[in-house]
């Protein structure tokens, strides 16, 4: 829109054993977007993502593992014809 180029990605798997991981990330993304908006403190969104993802577990080879969010990811602003503009959110 008006020269703003946006990047996005979602995970797809053809192995049912990874469904809890895919569901955790989909649900966290959907609920974080719904919570976001003008005046929202970014830490509140991060806390929600952490709470949702941490509530899932995955079973691999008969052993259950907690699913935890990655802690060192960042977000960014966009600009006209810039996918990654100057402001970085971490």
PDB file of N, CA and C in Angstrom:
ATOM      1  N   UNK A   1       0.846  -1.166   0.000  1.00  0.00           N
ATOM      2  CA  UNK A   1       0.000   0.000   0.000  1.00  0.00           C
ATOM      3  C   UNK A   1       0.896   1.235   0.000  1.00  0.00           C
ATOM      4  N   UNK A   2       0.698   2.110  -0.933  1.00  0.00           N
ATOM      5  CA  UNK A   2       1.487   3.337  -1.051  1.00  0.00           C
ATOM      6  C   UNK A   2       2.987   3.074  -1.001  1.00  0.00           C
ATOM      7  N   UNK A   3       3.439   1.995  -1.649  1.00  0.00           N
ATOM      8  CA  UNK A   3       4.864   1.689  -1.702  1.00  0.00           C
ATOM      9  C   UNK A   3       5.404   0.896  -0.532  1.00  0.00           C
ATOM     10  N   UNK A   4       4.571   0.597   0.456  1.00  0.00           N
ATOM     11  CA  UNK A   4       5.036  -0.199   1.598  1.00  0.00           C
ATOM     12  C   UNK A   4       4.992  -1.680   1.232  1.00  0.00           C
ATOM     13  N   UNK A   5       6.141  -2.327   1.352  1.00  0.00           N
ATOM     14  CA  UNK A   5       6.282  -3.740   1.046  1.00  0.00           C
ATOM     15  C   UNK A   5       6.393  -4.483   2.376  1.00  0.00           C
ATOM     16  N   UNK A   6       5.590  -5.510   2.561  1.00  0.00           N
ATOM     17  CA  UNK A   6       5.541  -6.225   3.834  1.00  0.00           C
ATOM     18  C   UNK A   6       6.003  -7.661   3.621  1.00  0.00           C
ATOM     19  N   UNK A   7       6.792  -8.167   4.564  1.00  0.00           N
ATOM     20  CA  UNK A   7       7.187  -9.572   4.525  1.00  0.00           C
ATOM     21  C   UNK A   7       6.447 -10.341   5.613  1.00  0.00           C
ATOM     22  N   UNK A   8       6.157 -11.594   5.341  1.00  0.00           N
ATOM     23  CA  UNK A   8       5.530 -12.449   6.347  1.00  0.00           C
ATOM     24  C   UNK A   8       5.803 -13.899   5.985  1.00  0.00           C
ATOM     25  N   UNK A   9       5.702 -14.761   6.984  1.00  0.00           N
ATOM     26  CA  UNK A   9       5.918 -16.191   6.763  1.00  0.00           C
ATOM     27  C   UNK A   9       5.119 -16.982   7.783  1.00  0.00           C
ATOM     28  N   UNK A  10       4.659 -18.143   7.374  1.00  0.00           N
ATOM     29  CA  UNK A  10       3.976 -19.061   8.273  1.00  0.00           C
ATOM     30  C   UNK A  10       4.490 -20.460   8.006  1.00  0.00           C
ATOM     31  N   UNK A  11       4.531 -21.264   9.030  1.00  0.00           N
ATOM     32  CA  UNK A  11       5.032 -22.627   8.934  1.00  0.00           C
ATOM     33  C   UNK A  11       3.925 -23.580   8.506  1.00  0.00           C
ATOM     34  N   UNK A  12       4.270 -24.486   7.619  1.00  0.00           N
ATOM     35  CA  UNK A  12       3.372 -25.546   7.184  1.00  0.00           C
ATOM     36  C   UNK A  12       4.128 -26.856   7.356  1.00  0.00           C
ATOM     37  N   UNK A  13       3.446 -27.881   7.844  1.00  0.00           N
ATOM     38  CA  UNK A  13       4.083 -29.187   7.986  1.00  0.00           C
ATOM     39  C   UNK A  13       3.173 -30.271   7.433  1.00  0.00           C
ATOM     40  N   UNK A  14       3.784 -31.313   6.950  1.00  0.00           N
ATOM     41  CA  UNK A  14       3.029 -32.465   6.465  1.00  0.00           C
ATOM     42  C   UNK A  14       3.185 -33.637   7.427  1.00  0.00           C
ATOM     43  N   UNK A  15       3.619 -33.342   8.645  1.00  0.00           N
ATOM     44  CA  UNK A  15       3.810 -34.361   9.669  1.00  0.00           C
ATOM     45  C   UNK A  15       3.014 -33.937  10.899  1.00  0.00           C
ATOM     46  N   UNK A  16       1.987 -34.705  11.239  1.00  0.00           N
ATOM     47  CA  UNK A  16       1.092 -34.359  12.349  1.00  0.00           C
ATOM     48  C   UNK A  16       1.806 -34.187  13.686  1.00  0.00           C
ATOM     49  N   UNK A  17       2.964 -34.769  13.843  1.00  0.00           N
ATOM     50  CA  UNK A  17       3.652 -34.663  15.134  1.00  0.00           C
ATOM     51  C   UNK A  17       4.026 -33.219  15.463  1.00  0.00           C
ATOM     52  N   UNK A  18       4.118 -32.369  14.446  1.00  0.00           N
ATOM     53  CA  UNK A  18       4.478 -30.967  14.667  1.00  0.00           C
ATOM     54  C   UNK A  18       3.266 -30.045  14.782  1.00  0.00           C
ATOM     55  N   UNK A  19       2.067 -30.597  14.723  1.00  0.00           N
ATOM     56  CA  UNK A  19       0.854 -29.780  14.810  1.00  0.00           C
ATOM     57  C   UNK A  19       0.796 -28.891  16.053  1.00  0.00           C
ATOM     58  N   UNK A  20       1.206 -29.375  17.247  1.00  0.00           N
ATOM     59  CA  UNK A  20       1.165 -28.479  18.416  1.00  0.00           C
ATOM     60  C   UNK A  20       2.065 -27.248  18.251  1.00  0.00           C
ATOM     61  N   UNK A  21       3.201 -27.401  17.612  1.00  0.00           N
ATOM     62  CA  UNK A  21       4.104 -26.274  17.386  1.00  0.00           C
ATOM     63  C   UNK A  21       3.482 -25.269  16.419  1.00  0.00           C
ATOM     64  N   UNK A  22       2.901 -25.771  15.347  1.00  0.00           N
ATOM     65  CA  UNK A  22       2.248 -24.895  14.368  1.00  0.00           C
ATOM     66  C   UNK A  22       1.047 -24.198  14.999  1.00  0.00           C
ATOM     67  N   UNK A  23       0.247 -24.932  15.770  1.00  0.00           N
ATOM     68  CA  UNK A  23      -0.927 -24.353  16.430  1.00  0.00           C
ATOM     69  C   UNK A  23      -0.521 -23.284  17.443  1.00  0.00           C
ATOM     70  N   UNK A  24       0.533 -23.531  18.204  1.00  0.00           N
ATOM     71  CA  UNK A  24       0.993 -22.551  19.200  1.00  0.00           C
ATOM     72  C   UNK A  24       1.388 -21.241  18.531  1.00  0.00           C
ATOM     73  N   UNK A  25       2.125 -21.323  17.435  1.00  0.00           N
ATOM     74  CA  UNK A  25       2.561 -20.098  16.761  1.00  0.00           C
ATOM     75  C   UNK A  25       1.398 -19.388  16.073  1.00  0.00           C
ATOM     76  N   UNK A  26       0.479 -20.163  15.476  1.00  0.00           N
ATOM     77  CA  UNK A  26      -0.685 -19.545  14.822  1.00  0.00           C
ATOM     78  C   UNK A  26      -1.552 -18.824  15.840  1.00  0.00           C
ATOM     79  N   UNK A  27      -1.842 -19.501  16.950  1.00  0.00           N
ATOM     80  CA  UNK A  27      -2.698 -18.898  17.976  1.00  0.00           C
ATOM     81  C   UNK A  27      -2.032 -17.668  18.590  1.00  0.00           C
ATOM     82  N   UNK A  28      -0.736 -17.757  18.880  1.00  0.00           N
ATOM     83  CA  UNK A  28      -0.021 -16.613  19.459  1.00  0.00           C
ATOM     84  C   UNK A  28      -0.035 -15.426  18.499  1.00  0.00           C
ATOM     85  N   UNK A  29       0.165 -15.687  17.221  1.00  0.00           N
ATOM     86  CA  UNK A  29       0.141 -14.612  16.226  1.00  0.00           C
ATOM     87  C   UNK A  29      -1.241 -13.974  16.146  1.00  0.00           C
ATOM     88  N   UNK A  30      -2.273 -14.794  16.023  1.00  0.00           N
ATOM     89  CA  UNK A  30      -3.638 -14.272  15.906  1.00  0.00           C
ATOM     90  C   UNK A  30      -4.036 -13.439  17.120  1.00  0.00           C
ATOM     91  N   UNK A  31      -3.751 -13.939  18.312  1.00  0.00           N
ATOM     92  CA  UNK A  31      -4.155 -13.217  19.520  1.00  0.00           C
ATOM     93  C   UNK A  31      -3.309 -11.968  19.747  1.00  0.00           C
ATOM     94  N   UNK A  32      -2.034 -12.007  19.350  1.00  0.00           N
ATOM     95  CA  UNK A  32      -1.183 -10.821  19.483  1.00  0.00           C
ATOM     96  C   UNK A  32      -1.649  -9.716  18.542  1.00  0.00           C
ATOM     97  N   UNK A  33      -2.011 -10.079  17.329  1.00  0.00           N
ATOM     98  CA  UNK A  33      -2.520  -9.085  16.373  1.00  0.00           C
ATOM     99  C   UNK A  33      -3.822  -8.482  16.889  1.00  0.00           C
ATOM    100  N   UNK A  34      -4.700  -9.317  17.437  1.00  0.00           N
ATOM    101  CA  UNK A  34      -5.974  -8.827  17.975  1.00  0.00           C
ATOM    102  C   UNK A  34      -5.763  -7.875  19.151  1.00  0.00           C
ATOM    103  N   UNK A  35      -4.743  -8.125  19.957  1.00  0.00           N
ATOM    104  CA  UNK A  35      -4.465  -7.280  21.122  1.00  0.00           C
ATOM    105  C   UNK A  35      -3.770  -5.974  20.734  1.00  0.00           C
ATOM    106  N   UNK A  36      -3.037  -5.984  19.648  1.00  0.00           N
ATOM    107  CA  UNK A  36      -2.222  -4.835  19.243  1.00  0.00           C
ATOM    108  C   UNK A  36      -3.076  -3.665  18.777  1.00  0.00           C
ATOM    109  N   UNK A  37      -2.500  -2.483  18.883  1.00  0.00           N
ATOM    110  CA  UNK A  37      -3.173  -1.293  18.388  1.00  0.00           C
ATOM    111  C   UNK A  37      -2.588  -0.043  19.016  1.00  0.00           C
ATOM    112  N   UNK A  38      -3.079   1.105  18.608  1.00  0.00           N
ATOM    113  CA  UNK A  38      -2.580   2.369  19.148  1.00  0.00           C
ATOM    114  C   UNK A  38      -2.691   2.402  20.670  1.00  0.00           C
ATOM    115  N   UNK A  39      -1.618   2.819  21.305  1.00  0.00           N
ATOM    116  CA  UNK A  39      -1.603   2.948  22.758  1.00  0.00           C
ATOM    117  C   UNK A  39      -1.273   1.666  23.501  1.00  0.00           C
ATOM    118  N   UNK A  40      -1.185   0.545  22.806  1.00  0.00           N
ATOM    119  CA  UNK A  40      -0.880  -0.731  23.458  1.00  0.00           C
ATOM    120  C   UNK A  40       0.611  -0.787  23.771  1.00  0.00           C
ATOM    121  N   UNK A  41       0.950  -1.192  24.971  1.00  0.00           N
ATOM    122  CA  UNK A  41       2.351  -1.340  25.375  1.00  0.00           C
ATOM    123  C   UNK A  41       2.881  -2.635  24.764  1.00  0.00           C
ATOM    124  N   UNK A  42       3.999  -2.551  24.031  1.00  0.00           N
ATOM    125  CA  UNK A  42       4.536  -3.711  23.320  1.00  0.00           C
ATOM    126  C   UNK A  42       4.849  -4.861  24.278  1.00  0.00           C
ATOM    127  N   UNK A  43       5.218  -4.563  25.507  1.00  0.00           N
ATOM    128  CA  UNK A  43       5.514  -5.612  26.493  1.00  0.00           C
ATOM    129  C   UNK A  43       4.274  -6.457  26.790  1.00  0.00           C
ATOM    130  N   UNK A  44       3.095  -5.836  26.760  1.00  0.00           N
ATOM    131  CA  UNK A  44       1.853  -6.591  26.982  1.00  0.00           C
ATOM    132  C   UNK A  44       1.634  -7.617  25.871  1.00  0.00           C
ATOM    133  N   UNK A  45       1.952  -7.229  24.661  1.00  0.00           N
ATOM    134  CA  UNK A  45       1.813  -8.145  23.529  1.00  0.00           C
ATOM    135  C   UNK A  45       2.819  -9.286  23.665  1.00  0.00           C
ATOM    136  N   UNK A  46       4.054  -8.956  24.015  1.00  0.00           N
ATOM    137  CA  UNK A  46       5.075  -9.980  24.216  1.00  0.00           C
ATOM    138  C   UNK A  46       4.722 -10.938  25.336  1.00  0.00           C
ATOM    139  N   UNK A  47       4.171 -10.409  26.416  1.00  0.00           N
ATOM    140  CA  UNK A  47       3.753 -11.266  27.536  1.00  0.00           C
ATOM    141  C   UNK A  47       2.653 -12.234  27.107  1.00  0.00           C
ATOM    142  N   UNK A  48       1.711 -11.759  26.292  1.00  0.00           N
ATOM    143  CA  UNK A  48       0.643 -12.627  25.800  1.00  0.00           C
ATOM    144  C   UNK A  48       1.218 -13.743  24.927  1.00  0.00           C
ATOM    145  N   UNK A  49       2.121 -13.392  24.030  1.00  0.00           N
ATOM    146  CA  UNK A  49       2.757 -14.388  23.167  1.00  0.00           C
ATOM    147  C   UNK A  49       3.471 -15.440  24.007  1.00  0.00           C
ATOM    148  N   UNK A  50       4.224 -14.988  24.998  1.00  0.00           N
ATOM    149  CA  UNK A  50       4.941 -15.909  25.889  1.00  0.00           C
ATOM    150  C   UNK A  50       3.972 -16.853  26.599  1.00  0.00           C
ATOM    151  N   UNK A  51       2.897 -16.301  27.123  1.00  0.00           N
ATOM    152  CA  UNK A  51       1.908 -17.102  27.855  1.00  0.00           C
ATOM    153  C   UNK A  51       1.280 -18.173  26.959  1.00  0.00           C
ATOM    154  N   UNK A  52       0.914 -17.792  25.753  1.00  0.00           N
ATOM    155  CA  UNK A  52       0.266 -18.740  24.839  1.00  0.00           C
ATOM    156  C   UNK A  52       1.233 -19.836  24.408  1.00  0.00           C
ATOM    157  N   UNK A  53       2.387 -19.460  23.904  1.00  0.00           N
ATOM    158  CA  UNK A  53       3.331 -20.465  23.402  1.00  0.00           C
ATOM    159  C   UNK A  53       3.788 -21.394  24.516  1.00  0.00           C
ATOM    160  N   UNK A  54       4.036 -20.847  25.696  1.00  0.00           N
ATOM    161  CA  UNK A  54       4.505 -21.666  26.818  1.00  0.00           C
ATOM    162  C   UNK A  54       3.446 -22.628  27.341  1.00  0.00           C
ATOM    163  N   UNK A  55       2.195 -22.452  26.942  1.00  0.00           N
ATOM    164  CA  UNK A  55       1.133 -23.349  27.404  1.00  0.00           C
ATOM    165  C   UNK A  55       1.057 -24.632  26.570  1.00  0.00           C
ATOM    166  N   UNK A  56       1.860 -24.746  25.526  1.00  0.00           N
ATOM    167  CA  UNK A  56       1.851 -25.913  24.647  1.00  0.00           C
ATOM    168  C   UNK A  56       3.043 -26.816  24.927  1.00  0.00           C
ATOM    169  N   UNK A  57       2.877 -28.082  24.565  1.00  0.00           N
ATOM    170  CA  UNK A  57       3.996 -29.019  24.589  1.00  0.00           C
ATOM    171  C   UNK A  57       3.891 -29.900  23.351  1.00  0.00           C
ATOM    172  N   UNK A  58       5.003 -30.538  23.026  1.00  0.00           N
ATOM    173  CA  UNK A  58       5.058 -31.404  21.850  1.00  0.00           C
ATOM    174  C   UNK A  58       5.670 -32.733  22.263  1.00  0.00           C
ATOM    175  N   UNK A  59       5.156 -33.815  21.697  1.00  0.00           N
ATOM    176  CA  UNK A  59       5.708 -35.139  21.979  1.00  0.00           C
ATOM    177  C   UNK A  59       6.509 -35.606  20.769  1.00  0.00           C
ATOM    178  N   UNK A  60       7.775 -35.916  21.017  1.00  0.00           N
ATOM    179  CA  UNK A  60       8.665 -36.410  19.969  1.00  0.00           C
ATOM    180  C   UNK A  60       9.316 -37.695  20.451  1.00  0.00           C
ATOM    181  N   UNK A  61       9.144 -38.746  19.709  1.00  0.00           N
ATOM    182  CA  UNK A  61       9.727 -40.048  20.044  1.00  0.00           C
ATOM    183  C   UNK A  61       9.388 -40.477  21.460  1.00  0.00           C
ATOM    184  N   UNK A  62       8.138 -40.259  21.864  1.00  0.00           N
ATOM    185  CA  UNK A  62       7.665 -40.704  23.167  1.00  0.00           C
ATOM    186  C   UNK A  62       8.024 -39.809  24.333  1.00  0.00           C
ATOM    187  N   UNK A  63       8.716 -38.702  24.086  1.00  0.00           N
ATOM    188  CA  UNK A  63       9.097 -37.784  25.158  1.00  0.00           C
ATOM    189  C   UNK A  63       8.421 -36.435  24.934  1.00  0.00           C
ATOM    190  N   UNK A  64       7.854 -35.864  26.008  1.00  0.00           N
ATOM    191  CA  UNK A  64       7.176 -34.565  25.908  1.00  0.00           C
ATOM    192  C   UNK A  64       8.160 -33.431  26.191  1.00  0.00           C
ATOM    193  N   UNK A  65       8.037 -32.380  25.393  1.00  0.00           N
ATOM    194  CA  UNK A  65       8.879 -31.193  25.525  1.00  0.00           C
ATOM    195  C   UNK A  65       7.990 -29.962  25.623  1.00  0.00           C
ATOM    196  N   UNK A  66       8.354 -29.055  26.506  1.00  0.00           N
ATOM    197  CA  UNK A  66       7.665 -27.765  26.579  1.00  0.00           C
ATOM    198  C   UNK A  66       8.042 -26.955  25.339  1.00  0.00           C
ATOM    199  N   UNK A  67       7.087 -26.208  24.824  1.00  0.00           N
ATOM    200  CA  UNK A  67       7.371 -25.289  23.721  1.00  0.00           C
ATOM    201  C   UNK A  67       7.596 -23.917  24.336  1.00  0.00           C
ATOM    202  N   UNK A  68       8.699 -23.289  23.976  1.00  0.00           N
ATOM    203  CA  UNK A  68       9.040 -21.971  24.506  1.00  0.00           C
ATOM    204  C   UNK A  68       9.284 -21.010  23.351  1.00  0.00           C
ATOM    205  N   UNK A  69       8.908 -19.753  23.517  1.00  0.00           N
ATOM    206  CA  UNK A  69       9.144 -18.782  22.445  1.00  0.00           C
ATOM    207  C   UNK A  69      10.628 -18.459  22.316  1.00  0.00           C
ATOM    208  N   UNK A  70      11.028 -18.100  21.104  1.00  0.00           N
ATOM    209  CA  UNK A  70      12.384 -17.620  20.867  1.00  0.00           C
ATOM    210  C   UNK A  70      12.488 -16.239  21.504  1.00  0.00           C
ATOM    211  N   UNK A  71      13.559 -15.983  22.208  1.00  0.00           N
ATOM    212  CA  UNK A  71      13.688 -14.734  22.974  1.00  0.00           C
ATOM    213  C   UNK A  71      14.450 -13.625  22.249  1.00  0.00           C
ATOM    214  N   UNK A  72      15.176 -13.934  21.194  1.00  0.00           N
ATOM    215  CA  UNK A  72      16.029 -12.913  20.580  1.00  0.00           C
ATOM    216  C   UNK A  72      15.564 -12.496  19.180  1.00  0.00           C
ATOM    217  N   UNK A  73      14.257 -12.484  18.973  1.00  0.00           N
ATOM    218  CA  UNK A  73      13.727 -12.000  17.702  1.00  0.00           C
ATOM    219  C   UNK A  73      13.386 -10.519  17.816  1.00  0.00           C
ATOM    220  N   UNK A  74      13.374  -9.838  16.702  1.00  0.00           N
ATOM    221  CA  UNK A  74      13.017  -8.426  16.708  1.00  0.00           C
ATOM    222  C   UNK A  74      11.959  -8.157  15.640  1.00  0.00           C
ATOM    223  N   UNK A  75      11.315  -7.035  15.782  1.00  0.00           N
ATOM    224  CA  UNK A  75      10.386  -6.549  14.776  1.00  0.00           C
ATOM    225  C   UNK A  75      10.963  -5.279  14.172  1.00  0.00           C
ATOM    226  N   UNK A  76      10.288  -4.732  13.192  1.00  0.00           N
ATOM    227  CA  UNK A  76      10.818  -3.544  12.528  1.00  0.00           C
ATOM    228  C   UNK A  76       9.685  -2.732  11.921  1.00  0.00           C
ATOM    229  N   UNK A  77       9.989  -1.491  11.635  1.00  0.00           N
ATOM    230  CA  UNK A  77       9.038  -0.658  10.912  1.00  0.00           C
ATOM    231  C   UNK A  77       9.240  -0.881   9.413  1.00  0.00           C
ATOM    232  N   UNK A  78       8.314  -0.383   8.618  1.00  0.00           N
ATOM    233  CA  UNK A  78       8.461  -0.418   7.165  1.00  0.00           C
ATOM    234  C   UNK A  78       8.442   1.014   6.657  1.00  0.00           C
ATOM    235  N   UNK A  79       8.909   1.198   5.471  1.00  0.00           N
ATOM    236  CA  UNK A  79       8.888   2.512   4.845  1.00  0.00           C
ATOM    237  C   UNK A  79       8.587   2.345   3.370  1.00  0.00           C
ATOM    238  N   UNK A  80       8.376   3.435   2.662  1.00  0.00           N
ATOM    239  CA  UNK A  80       8.119   3.325   1.229  1.00  0.00           C
ATOM    240  C   UNK A  80       9.246   2.559   0.530  1.00  0.00           C
ATOM    241  N   UNK A  81       8.897   1.426  -0.051  1.00  0.00           N
ATOM    242  CA  UNK A  81       9.826   0.566  -0.780  1.00  0.00           C
ATOM    243  C   UNK A  81      10.972   0.051   0.088  1.00  0.00           C
ATOM    244  N   UNK A  82      10.735  -0.052   1.395  1.00  0.00           N
ATOM    245  CA  UNK A  82      11.708  -0.611   2.339  1.00  0.00           C
ATOM    246  C   UNK A  82      10.995  -1.656   3.199  1.00  0.00           C
ATOM    247  N   UNK A  83      11.402  -2.906   3.082  1.00  0.00           N
ATOM    248  CA  UNK A  83      10.814  -3.944   3.920  1.00  0.00           C
ATOM    249  C   UNK A  83      11.272  -3.759   5.362  1.00  0.00           C
ATOM    250  N   UNK A  84      12.539  -3.423   5.545  1.00  0.00           N
ATOM    251  CA  UNK A  84      13.092  -3.204   6.890  1.00  0.00           C
ATOM    252  C   UNK A  84      13.545  -1.754   6.999  1.00  0.00           C
ATOM    253  N   UNK A  85      12.734  -0.928   7.631  1.00  0.00           N
ATOM    254  CA  UNK A  85      13.088   0.479   7.811  1.00  0.00           C
ATOM    255  C   UNK A  85      13.856   0.643   9.123  1.00  0.00           C
ATOM    256  N   UNK A  86      14.003   1.857   9.573  1.00  0.00           N
ATOM    257  CA  UNK A  86      14.950   2.175  10.639  1.00  0.00           C
ATOM    258  C   UNK A  86      14.606   1.654  12.028  1.00  0.00           C
ATOM    259  N   UNK A  87      13.369   1.696  12.454  1.00  0.00           N
ATOM    260  CA  UNK A  87      13.049   1.365  13.842  1.00  0.00           C
ATOM    261  C   UNK A  87      13.004  -0.145  14.062  1.00  0.00           C
ATOM    262  N   UNK A  88      13.766  -0.618  15.039  1.00  0.00           N
ATOM    263  CA  UNK A  88      13.797  -2.034  15.398  1.00  0.00           C
ATOM    264  C   UNK A  88      13.181  -2.187  16.781  1.00  0.00           C
ATOM    265  N   UNK A  89      12.263  -3.131  16.933  1.00  0.00           N
ATOM    266  CA  UNK A  89      11.626  -3.434  18.214  1.00  0.00           C
ATOM    267  C   UNK A  89      12.193  -4.741  18.727  1.00  0.00           C
ATOM    268  N   UNK A  90      12.714  -4.712  19.935  1.00  0.00           N
ATOM    269  CA  UNK A  90      13.253  -5.959  20.492  1.00  0.00           C
ATOM    270  C   UNK A  90      12.753  -6.174  21.892  1.00  0.00           C
TER     271      UNK A  90
END
